[in-house]
């Protein structure tokens, strides 16, 4: 009977995924396609262009679109399309690294605090409350100054700023699950606490973790772009979208595409991840749409 139930549940989830991403929800499908395009561009960046993101040609400064430069060149004669493509790589890697480490740390702390409770829960949740009381942008700006503009350092800083969200989500889920009969039975038979957390509690958190992870990818990319724009993130000449917006802002009246195009890339990526995350939430928990 359990095998039939598992197969039925799997079919229902698959059908909801098809409905959300390949069905009537056109907006989610479009946003999913945009993410795929940016991911492909990031993965195959060296093969999609004949230029490098650092290659300068001072004879072609601020030139308009042409056959050789489809989106024109920037203030140093670098191919704008090439820098946008390589900028996708920087933004996506930063967003993925920061979200992964935040998800790992937040899940571990949330499991421990929710399962053990007591003083452990108090200490971890007071730490979380303190983190949440600081605006993420101010928090990341202060710590980013110690990261020396390195991609790994910036990713760690951004990950630390979104860490509390994971702790709160997992903590709340574990608290709601730890009194269930199967958890009580596992405790009564003396099962190892680590095994209980990993085998019984963690799998029940996966659906919510996938949703918040997807949404936090957009948040991380926005934070990285903001830090780079303010001059405390990824340092030039690395082709980060935030750096390109900051550099192009000086030419906004004369050559607006230098600032507008990377800004559009940031906007599309962040919005797409948020909408896809919302679609994942609907697919994984149909009750949120009023459908049992």
Protein backbone atom coordinates (compact mmCIF):
# COMPACT_ATOMS: atom_id res chain seq x y z
CA UNK A 1 0.00 0.00 0.00
CA UNK A 2 2.84 2.38 0.86
CA UNK A 3 4.43 1.71 -2.54
CA UNK A 4 1.20 2.64 -4.32
CA UNK A 5 0.91 5.79 -2.21
CA UNK A 6 4.48 6.78 -3.03
CA UNK A 7 3.89 6.29 -6.77
CA UNK A 8 0.63 8.27 -6.63
CA UNK A 9 2.33 11.10 -4.74
CA UNK A 10 5.18 11.16 -7.26
CA UNK A 11 2.74 11.34 -10.17
CA UNK A 12 0.86 14.21 -8.51
CA UNK A 13 4.06 16.18 -7.91
CA UNK A 14 5.24 15.59 -11.49
CA UNK A 15 1.90 16.73 -12.88
CA UNK A 16 2.03 19.89 -10.75
CA UNK A 17 5.56 20.63 -11.98
CA UNK A 18 4.45 20.21 -15.59
CA UNK A 19 1.44 22.45 -14.99
CA UNK A 20 3.50 25.19 -13.34
CA UNK A 21 6.57 25.19 -15.63
CA UNK A 22 5.25 23.80 -18.90
CA UNK A 23 1.54 24.44 -18.67
CA UNK A 24 -0.85 27.31 -18.18
CA UNK A 25 1.44 29.45 -16.03
CA UNK A 26 3.04 31.28 -18.94
CA UNK A 27 4.88 33.81 -16.76
CA UNK A 28 6.65 31.11 -14.74
CA UNK A 29 7.55 29.26 -17.94
CA UNK A 30 9.04 32.42 -19.46
CA UNK A 31 11.03 33.17 -16.31
CA UNK A 32 12.28 29.59 -16.19
CA UNK A 33 13.43 29.94 -19.81
CA UNK A 34 15.23 33.20 -18.96
CA UNK A 35 17.12 31.47 -16.14
CA UNK A 36 18.11 28.64 -18.49
CA UNK A 37 19.40 31.18 -21.02
CA UNK A 38 21.54 32.94 -18.42
CA UNK A 39 22.85 29.63 -17.06
CA UNK A 40 23.81 28.43 -20.54
CA UNK A 41 25.47 31.79 -21.25
CA UNK A 42 27.46 31.51 -18.00
CA UNK A 43 28.53 27.92 -18.65
CA UNK A 44 29.59 28.42 -22.26
CA UNK A 45 30.70 32.07 -22.09
CA UNK A 46 34.13 31.53 -23.74
CA UNK A 47 32.50 29.78 -26.70
CA UNK A 48 29.75 32.35 -27.32
CA UNK A 49 32.00 35.28 -28.22
CA UNK A 50 35.22 35.99 -30.07
CA UNK A 51 36.39 38.49 -27.46
CA UNK A 52 37.56 38.34 -23.88
CA UNK A 53 35.88 40.54 -21.24
CA UNK A 54 39.16 42.41 -20.66
CA UNK A 55 40.12 43.01 -24.29
CA UNK A 56 40.36 46.78 -24.93
CA UNK A 57 40.35 48.74 -28.17
CA UNK A 58 40.67 52.46 -27.46
CA UNK A 59 39.92 53.20 -31.11
CA UNK A 60 36.37 51.88 -30.57
CA UNK A 61 35.40 53.60 -27.33
CA UNK A 62 31.60 53.93 -26.86
CA UNK A 63 30.89 52.73 -30.38
CA UNK A 64 27.33 51.76 -31.23
CA UNK A 65 26.13 48.30 -32.26
CA UNK A 66 27.78 46.86 -35.36
CA UNK A 67 28.42 43.52 -37.05
CA UNK A 68 31.60 43.04 -35.02
CA UNK A 69 30.11 44.27 -31.75
CA UNK A 70 26.42 43.42 -31.59
CA UNK A 71 25.72 45.60 -28.56
CA UNK A 72 28.53 48.07 -29.16
CA UNK A 73 31.52 48.79 -26.94
CA UNK A 74 32.02 50.45 -23.57
CA UNK A 75 34.15 53.41 -22.47
CA UNK A 76 37.34 51.38 -22.89
CA UNK A 77 36.44 49.79 -26.21
CA UNK A 78 35.54 46.42 -24.67
CA UNK A 79 32.77 44.39 -26.30
CA UNK A 80 29.62 45.01 -24.26
CA UNK A 81 27.91 41.72 -25.12
CA UNK A 82 30.99 39.77 -24.05
CA UNK A 83 31.09 41.52 -20.69
CA UNK A 84 27.37 40.91 -20.15
CA UNK A 85 27.81 37.20 -20.87
CA UNK A 86 30.77 36.86 -18.51
CA UNK A 87 28.92 39.03 -16.00
CA UNK A 88 26.21 36.35 -15.88
CA UNK A 89 28.89 33.88 -14.81
CA UNK A 90 30.05 36.13 -11.95
CA UNK A 91 26.52 36.88 -10.73
CA UNK A 92 25.27 33.30 -10.88
CA UNK A 93 28.38 31.84 -9.23
CA UNK A 94 28.19 34.41 -6.44
CA UNK A 95 24.48 33.82 -5.93
CA UNK A 96 24.85 30.04 -5.98
CA UNK A 97 27.85 29.93 -3.62
CA UNK A 98 26.32 32.31 -1.09
CA UNK A 99 22.95 30.53 -1.15
CA UNK A 100 24.53 27.08 -0.83
CA UNK A 101 26.62 27.94 2.19
CA UNK A 102 23.73 29.83 3.81
CA UNK A 103 21.40 26.87 3.19
CA UNK A 104 23.93 24.42 4.66
CA UNK A 105 24.69 26.48 7.76
CA UNK A 106 21.08 27.56 8.29
CA UNK A 107 19.76 24.01 7.95
CA UNK A 108 22.25 22.62 10.46
CA UNK A 109 21.59 25.36 13.02
CA UNK A 110 17.83 25.18 12.47
CA UNK A 111 17.79 21.41 12.96
CA UNK A 112 19.85 21.60 16.14
CA UNK A 113 17.87 24.45 17.69
CA UNK A 114 14.47 23.02 16.75
CA UNK A 115 15.18 19.46 17.85
CA UNK A 116 17.04 20.06 21.12
CA UNK A 117 15.18 23.20 22.20
CA UNK A 118 15.93 24.68 25.61
CA UNK A 119 19.10 26.74 26.04
CA UNK A 120 20.45 25.64 22.64
CA UNK A 121 17.34 26.95 20.90
CA UNK A 122 17.46 30.18 22.90
CA UNK A 123 21.09 30.94 22.01
CA UNK A 124 20.70 30.16 18.30
CA UNK A 125 17.41 32.02 17.91
CA UNK A 126 18.71 35.11 19.77
CA UNK A 127 21.66 35.09 17.37
CA UNK A 128 19.18 34.85 14.50
CA UNK A 129 17.06 37.71 15.86
CA UNK A 130 20.16 39.87 16.20
CA UNK A 131 21.11 39.16 12.58
CA UNK A 132 17.60 39.91 11.36
CA UNK A 133 17.59 43.25 13.19
CA UNK A 134 20.42 44.51 10.95
CA UNK A 135 19.44 45.58 7.40
CA UNK A 136 21.10 43.11 4.97
CA UNK A 137 22.62 45.84 2.80
CA UNK A 138 24.29 47.61 5.74
CA UNK A 139 25.46 44.28 7.15
CA UNK A 140 27.00 43.17 3.85
CA UNK A 141 28.56 46.58 3.17
CA UNK A 142 30.39 46.52 6.50
CA UNK A 143 31.71 42.99 6.11
CA UNK A 144 32.40 43.30 2.37
CA UNK A 145 35.07 45.87 3.11
CA UNK A 146 37.13 43.02 4.61
CA UNK A 147 36.58 40.71 1.62
CA UNK A 148 39.01 42.61 -0.65
CA UNK A 149 36.65 42.30 -3.60
CA UNK A 150 37.26 38.55 -3.94
CA UNK A 151 34.40 36.44 -5.25
CA UNK A 152 34.65 33.85 -2.46
CA UNK A 153 34.79 36.52 0.24
CA UNK A 154 31.80 38.40 -1.17
CA UNK A 155 29.87 35.12 -1.42
CA UNK A 156 30.55 34.32 2.24
CA UNK A 157 29.43 37.79 3.31
CA UNK A 158 26.20 37.61 1.31
CA UNK A 159 25.58 34.06 2.56
CA UNK A 160 25.92 35.23 6.15
CA UNK A 161 23.32 37.95 5.55
CA UNK A 162 20.71 35.46 4.28
CA UNK A 163 21.59 32.74 6.81
CA UNK A 164 18.94 33.75 9.42
CA UNK A 165 16.09 33.08 6.99
CA UNK A 166 17.09 29.43 6.66
CA UNK A 167 17.50 29.05 10.43
CA UNK A 168 14.01 30.38 11.11
CA UNK A 169 12.33 28.26 8.42
CA UNK A 170 14.01 24.99 9.47
CA UNK A 171 13.58 25.73 13.17
CA UNK A 172 9.86 26.27 12.77
CA UNK A 173 9.43 23.11 10.69
CA UNK A 174 11.40 20.95 13.12
CA UNK A 175 9.45 22.25 16.12
CA UNK A 176 6.19 21.35 14.37
CA UNK A 177 7.49 17.86 13.48
CA UNK A 178 9.39 16.74 16.58
CA UNK A 179 6.23 15.84 18.53
CA UNK A 180 4.91 13.54 15.80
CA UNK A 181 4.41 9.89 16.68
CA UNK A 182 7.22 8.57 14.48
CA UNK A 183 9.72 10.95 16.11
CA UNK A 184 8.51 9.97 19.57
CA UNK A 185 8.82 6.29 18.66
CA UNK A 186 12.35 6.81 17.34
CA UNK A 187 13.32 8.45 20.64
CA UNK A 188 11.72 5.70 22.70
CA UNK A 189 13.67 2.93 20.95
CA UNK A 190 16.90 4.87 21.58
CA UNK A 191 17.68 5.83 18.01
CA UNK A 192 20.65 8.15 17.63
CA UNK A 193 19.62 11.82 17.69
CA UNK A 194 21.76 12.61 14.67
CA UNK A 195 20.04 9.82 12.72
CA UNK A 196 16.62 11.15 13.74
CA UNK A 197 17.48 14.64 12.50
CA UNK A 198 18.97 13.47 9.21
CA UNK A 199 16.65 10.58 8.38
CA UNK A 200 13.30 11.78 9.73
CA UNK A 201 13.33 15.56 10.14
CA UNK A 202 15.54 16.83 7.31
CA UNK A 203 13.59 15.19 4.44
CA UNK A 204 10.42 16.93 5.64
CA UNK A 205 12.18 20.28 5.28
CA UNK A 206 13.34 19.79 1.68
CA UNK A 207 10.28 21.28 -0.02
CA UNK A 208 10.49 24.55 1.92
CA UNK A 209 14.28 24.65 1.55
CA UNK A 210 14.05 24.34 -2.24
CA UNK A 211 11.63 27.25 -2.42
CA UNK A 212 13.58 29.58 -0.14
CA UNK A 213 16.85 28.58 -1.85
CA UNK A 214 15.48 29.57 -5.27
CA UNK A 215 14.18 32.88 -4.01
CA UNK A 216 17.40 33.63 -2.14
CA UNK A 217 19.38 33.18 -5.35
CA UNK A 218 17.70 36.32 -6.65
CA UNK A 219 18.33 38.12 -3.36
CA UNK A 220 22.00 37.15 -3.40
CA UNK A 221 22.44 38.32 -6.99
CA UNK A 222 20.82 41.65 -6.15
CA UNK A 223 23.06 42.10 -3.10
CA UNK A 224 26.18 41.30 -5.13
CA UNK A 225 25.16 43.80 -7.82
CA UNK A 226 24.42 46.46 -5.20
CA UNK A 227 27.75 45.94 -3.44
CA UNK A 228 29.61 46.07 -6.76
CA UNK A 229 27.74 49.22 -7.75
CA UNK A 230 28.69 50.87 -4.46
CA UNK A 231 32.33 49.91 -4.94
CA UNK A 232 32.67 47.39 -2.08
CA UNK A 233 31.82 44.23 -4.02
CA UNK A 234 33.56 42.59 -6.96
CA UNK A 235 36.41 44.84 -8.04
CA UNK A 236 37.06 46.00 -11.64
CA UNK A 237 37.97 44.93 -14.23
CA UNK A 238 36.01 41.76 -13.37
CA UNK A 239 32.86 41.91 -15.52
CA UNK A 240 30.24 42.03 -12.78
CA UNK A 241 26.87 43.54 -13.69
CA UNK A 242 26.90 45.90 -10.71
CA UNK A 243 30.33 47.23 -11.70
CA UNK A 244 29.10 47.72 -15.27
CA UNK A 245 26.10 49.73 -14.06
CA UNK A 246 28.35 51.90 -11.90
CA UNK A 247 30.75 52.51 -14.79
CA UNK A 248 27.95 53.11 -17.29
CA UNK A 249 26.13 55.55 -15.02
CA UNK A 250 28.76 58.18 -15.81
CA UNK A 251 27.71 57.98 -19.48
CA UNK A 252 23.97 57.68 -18.85
CA UNK A 253 23.02 60.73 -20.91
CA UNK A 254 25.34 60.07 -23.85
CA UNK A 255 25.54 56.25 -23.99
CA UNK A 256 22.63 54.97 -21.86
CA UNK A 257 23.00 51.33 -22.96
CA UNK A 258 26.20 50.99 -20.88
CA UNK A 259 24.14 51.24 -17.68
CA UNK A 260 20.72 50.11 -18.89
CA UNK A 261 21.70 46.74 -20.39
CA UNK A 262 23.46 45.31 -17.30
CA UNK A 263 20.64 46.77 -15.20
CA UNK A 264 18.10 44.90 -17.33
CA UNK A 265 20.11 41.68 -16.87
CA UNK A 266 20.04 42.11 -13.09
CA UNK A 267 16.31 42.86 -13.12
CA UNK A 268 15.44 39.88 -15.34
CA UNK A 269 17.54 37.47 -13.28
CA UNK A 270 16.20 38.56 -9.89
CA UNK A 271 12.56 38.67 -11.00
CA UNK A 272 12.86 35.32 -12.78
CA UNK A 273 14.29 33.55 -9.73
CA UNK A 274 11.56 35.02 -7.50
CA UNK A 275 8.75 33.98 -9.86
CA UNK A 276 10.22 30.51 -10.38
CA UNK A 277 10.56 30.15 -6.61
CA UNK A 278 6.89 31.08 -6.27
CA UNK A 279 6.06 28.48 -8.91
CA UNK A 280 8.03 25.85 -7.02
CA UNK A 281 6.08 26.70 -3.90
CA UNK A 282 2.81 26.14 -5.76
CA UNK A 283 4.06 22.85 -7.21
CA UNK A 284 5.37 21.50 -3.91
CA UNK A 285 2.48 22.72 -1.74
CA UNK A 286 -0.78 22.94 -3.74
CA UNK A 287 -2.68 23.93 -0.58
CA UNK A 288 -1.27 27.42 -1.05
CA UNK A 289 -3.42 27.65 -4.17
CA UNK A 290 -6.48 26.23 -2.45
CA UNK A 291 -6.11 22.83 -4.14
CA UNK A 292 -5.77 19.76 -1.96
